[in-house]
Amino acid sequence: MANDSYRVDLDRLDEVVKKLNNVLKDMQSTSGKAKSGTHLPEGSLGKGFEEEGELRKTHDELKGFIEQKVLNKLERLIDDLQKKTSKTHGAYQDQEQNTSNAMNKGHTSSQNKYS
């Protein structure tokens, strides 16, 4: 039972990597929509009133903030997490293979001693 407490479920780690990849793809889609789907052209809010320019300027500033400070940071965070999780998965997989190989060599050599 103590052995199970230190076991790493590689299938779960692989699942996390795949889910993070999907989240990253979704984020990139959202980021693209935020960049191209939220343009506010001149005159779209009406014409002939003083605040129209100020509204568009504020919209552009907020749009830039969302793109740079929110979406880009989230994408980098998720990408970093995905890469680290994938690297961790690979390291555990390699260690599991090395342990298995070492056990097989030990088992083979003990068979030769006593045969």
C-alpha atoms as a PDB file:
ATOM      1  CA  MET A   1       0.000   0.000   0.000  1.00  0.00           C
ATOM      2  CA  ALA A   2       2.907   2.394   0.693  1.00  0.00           C
ATOM      3  CA  ASN A   3       4.027   1.799  -2.882  1.00  0.00           C
ATOM      4  CA  ASP A   4       0.788   3.225  -4.285  1.00  0.00           C
ATOM      5  CA  SER A   5       1.241   6.523  -2.460  1.00  0.00           C
ATOM      6  CA  TYR A   6       4.279   7.313  -4.603  1.00  0.00           C
ATOM      7  CA  ARG A   7       2.911   6.119  -7.917  1.00  0.00           C
ATOM      8  CA  VAL A   8       2.458   8.593 -10.767  1.00  0.00           C
ATOM      9  CA  ASP A   9      -0.451   8.009 -13.127  1.00  0.00           C
ATOM     10  CA  LEU A  10       1.085   8.716 -16.530  1.00  0.00           C
ATOM     11  CA  ASP A  11      -2.282   8.419 -18.255  1.00  0.00           C
ATOM     12  CA  ARG A  12      -3.628  11.245 -16.091  1.00  0.00           C
ATOM     13  CA  LEU A  13      -0.615  13.423 -16.849  1.00  0.00           C
ATOM     14  CA  ASP A  14      -1.092  12.733 -20.549  1.00  0.00           C
ATOM     15  CA  GLU A  15      -4.760  13.671 -20.201  1.00  0.00           C
ATOM     16  CA  VAL A  16      -3.792  16.959 -18.522  1.00  0.00           C
ATOM     17  CA  VAL A  17      -1.383  17.768 -21.370  1.00  0.00           C
ATOM     18  CA  LYS A  18      -4.102  17.119 -23.948  1.00  0.00           C
ATOM     19  CA  LYS A  19      -6.638  19.239 -22.071  1.00  0.00           C
ATOM     20  CA  LEU A  20      -4.157  22.086 -21.731  1.00  0.00           C
ATOM     21  CA  ASN A  21      -3.500  21.899 -25.482  1.00  0.00           C
ATOM     22  CA  ASN A  22      -7.238  22.224 -26.089  1.00  0.00           C
ATOM     23  CA  VAL A  23      -7.495  25.170 -23.694  1.00  0.00           C
ATOM     24  CA  LEU A  24      -4.581  26.837 -25.477  1.00  0.00           C
ATOM     25  CA  LYS A  25      -6.262  26.351 -28.870  1.00  0.00           C
ATOM     26  CA  ASP A  26      -9.481  27.821 -27.494  1.00  0.00           C
ATOM     27  CA  MET A  27      -7.560  30.760 -26.024  1.00  0.00           C
ATOM     28  CA  GLN A  28      -5.903  31.464 -29.364  1.00  0.00           C
ATOM     29  CA  SER A  29      -9.307  31.441 -31.032  1.00  0.00           C
ATOM     30  CA  THR A  30     -10.651  33.830 -28.401  1.00  0.00           C
ATOM     31  CA  SER A  31      -7.610  36.041 -28.776  1.00  0.00           C
ATOM     32  CA  GLY A  32      -8.159  36.212 -32.525  1.00  0.00           C
ATOM     33  CA  LYS A  33     -11.777  37.195 -32.002  1.00  0.00           C
ATOM     34  CA  ALA A  34     -10.776  39.860 -29.505  1.00  0.00           C
ATOM     35  CA  LYS A  35      -8.298  41.332 -31.988  1.00  0.00           C
ATOM     36  CA  SER A  36     -10.357  41.247 -35.154  1.00  0.00           C
ATOM     37  CA  GLY A  37     -13.965  40.953 -34.011  1.00  0.00           C
ATOM     38  CA  THR A  38     -14.096  43.960 -31.747  1.00  0.00           C
ATOM     39  CA  HIS A  39     -13.051  46.744 -34.088  1.00  0.00           C
ATOM     40  CA  LEU A  40     -15.048  49.934 -33.580  1.00  0.00           C
ATOM     41  CA  PRO A  41     -14.844  51.967 -36.798  1.00  0.00           C
ATOM     42  CA  GLU A  42     -15.254  55.699 -36.876  1.00  0.00           C
ATOM     43  CA  GLY A  43     -18.904  56.690 -37.049  1.00  0.00           C
ATOM     44  CA  SER A  44     -20.216  53.355 -35.785  1.00  0.00           C
ATOM     45  CA  LEU A  45     -21.442  55.015 -32.590  1.00  0.00           C
ATOM     46  CA  GLY A  46     -23.019  57.877 -34.444  1.00  0.00           C
ATOM     47  CA  LYS A  47     -21.805  61.161 -35.819  1.00  0.00           C
ATOM     48  CA  GLY A  48     -21.746  64.752 -34.776  1.00  0.00           C
ATOM     49  CA  PHE A  49     -21.304  64.446 -31.049  1.00  0.00           C
ATOM     50  CA  GLU A  50     -18.222  65.329 -29.065  1.00  0.00           C
ATOM     51  CA  GLU A  51     -17.880  62.097 -27.034  1.00  0.00           C
ATOM     52  CA  GLU A  52     -17.722  59.780 -30.070  1.00  0.00           C
ATOM     53  CA  GLY A  53     -13.942  60.084 -30.409  1.00  0.00           C
ATOM     54  CA  GLU A  54     -13.421  59.652 -26.683  1.00  0.00           C
ATOM     55  CA  LEU A  55     -15.591  56.525 -26.658  1.00  0.00           C
ATOM     56  CA  ARG A  56     -13.633  54.965 -29.534  1.00  0.00           C
ATOM     57  CA  LYS A  57     -10.318  55.881 -27.882  1.00  0.00           C
ATOM     58  CA  THR A  58     -11.422  54.315 -24.584  1.00  0.00           C
ATOM     59  CA  HIS A  59     -12.638  51.247 -26.470  1.00  0.00           C
ATOM     60  CA  ASP A  60      -9.253  50.882 -28.191  1.00  0.00           C
ATOM     61  CA  GLU A  61      -7.407  51.264 -24.878  1.00  0.00           C
ATOM     62  CA  LEU A  62      -9.573  48.652 -23.183  1.00  0.00           C
ATOM     63  CA  LYS A  63      -9.236  46.338 -26.162  1.00  0.00           C
ATOM     64  CA  GLY A  64      -5.442  46.684 -25.996  1.00  0.00           C
ATOM     65  CA  PHE A  65      -5.472  46.008 -22.254  1.00  0.00           C
ATOM     66  CA  ILE A  66      -7.539  42.845 -22.716  1.00  0.00           C
ATOM     67  CA  GLU A  67      -5.292  41.611 -25.527  1.00  0.00           C
ATOM     68  CA  GLN A  68      -1.965  42.377 -23.831  1.00  0.00           C
ATOM     69  CA  LYS A  69      -2.601  42.101 -20.114  1.00  0.00           C
ATOM     70  CA  VAL A  70      -5.240  39.376 -20.012  1.00  0.00           C
ATOM     71  CA  LEU A  71      -5.301  37.134 -23.089  1.00  0.00           C
ATOM     72  CA  ASN A  72      -1.555  37.136 -23.856  1.00  0.00           C
ATOM     73  CA  LYS A  73      -0.659  36.475 -20.226  1.00  0.00           C
ATOM     74  CA  LEU A  74      -3.197  33.671 -19.976  1.00  0.00           C
ATOM     75  CA  GLU A  75      -1.918  32.097 -23.195  1.00  0.00           C
ATOM     76  CA  ARG A  76       1.682  32.225 -21.939  1.00  0.00           C
ATOM     77  CA  LEU A  77       0.670  30.779 -18.573  1.00  0.00           C
ATOM     78  CA  ILE A  78      -1.270  27.903 -20.130  1.00  0.00           C
ATOM     79  CA  ASP A  79       1.500  27.235 -22.667  1.00  0.00           C
ATOM     80  CA  ASP A  80       4.108  27.174 -19.888  1.00  0.00           C
ATOM     81  CA  LEU A  81       1.976  24.829 -17.787  1.00  0.00           C
ATOM     82  CA  GLN A  82       1.400  22.537 -20.764  1.00  0.00           C
ATOM     83  CA  LYS A  83       5.136  22.374 -21.550  1.00  0.00           C
ATOM     84  CA  LYS A  84       6.079  21.698 -17.930  1.00  0.00           C
ATOM     85  CA  THR A  85       3.411  19.027 -17.560  1.00  0.00           C
ATOM     86  CA  SER A  86       4.554  17.380 -20.775  1.00  0.00           C
ATOM     87  CA  LYS A  87       8.173  17.479 -19.618  1.00  0.00           C
ATOM     88  CA  THR A  88       7.183  15.993 -16.245  1.00  0.00           C
ATOM     89  CA  HIS A  89       5.238  13.248 -18.013  1.00  0.00           C
ATOM     90  CA  GLY A  90       8.290  12.430 -20.134  1.00  0.00           C
ATOM     91  CA  ALA A  91      10.614  12.378 -17.133  1.00  0.00           C
ATOM     92  CA  TYR A  92       8.365  10.012 -15.187  1.00  0.00           C
ATOM     93  CA  GLN A  93       7.910   7.831 -18.250  1.00  0.00           C
ATOM     94  CA  ASP A  94      11.683   7.647 -18.743  1.00  0.00           C
ATOM     95  CA  GLN A  95      12.227   6.826 -15.079  1.00  0.00           C
ATOM     96  CA  GLU A  96       9.578   4.133 -15.193  1.00  0.00           C
ATOM     97  CA  GLN A  97      11.293   2.589 -18.225  1.00  0.00           C
ATOM     98  CA  ASN A  98      14.718   2.784 -16.555  1.00  0.00           C
ATOM     99  CA  THR A  99      13.347   1.133 -13.414  1.00  0.00           C
ATOM    100  CA  SER A 100      11.693  -1.580 -15.463  1.00  0.00           C
ATOM    101  CA  ASN A 101      14.907  -2.192 -17.406  1.00  0.00           C
ATOM    102  CA  ALA A 102      16.956  -2.326 -14.194  1.00  0.00           C
ATOM    103  CA  MET A 103      14.522  -4.784 -12.639  1.00  0.00           C
ATOM    104  CA  ASN A 104      14.586  -6.980 -15.737  1.00  0.00           C
ATOM    105  CA  LYS A 105      18.383  -6.984 -15.765  1.00  0.00           C
ATOM    106  CA  GLY A 106      18.453  -7.847 -12.076  1.00  0.00           C
ATOM    107  CA  HIS A 107      15.910 -10.606 -12.577  1.00  0.00           C
ATOM    108  CA  THR A 108      17.836 -12.016 -15.550  1.00  0.00           C
ATOM    109  CA  SER A 109      21.161 -11.947 -13.733  1.00  0.00           C
ATOM    110  CA  SER A 110      19.672 -13.631 -10.639  1.00  0.00           C
ATOM    111  CA  GLN A 111      18.228 -16.342 -12.867  1.00  0.00           C
ATOM    112  CA  ASN A 112      21.679 -16.950 -14.349  1.00  0.00           C
ATOM    113  CA  LYS A 113      23.255 -17.227 -10.878  1.00  0.00           C
ATOM    114  CA  TYR A 114      20.890 -19.866  -9.705  1.00  0.00           C
ATOM    115  CA  SER A 115      20.321 -21.835 -12.883  1.00  0.00           C
END
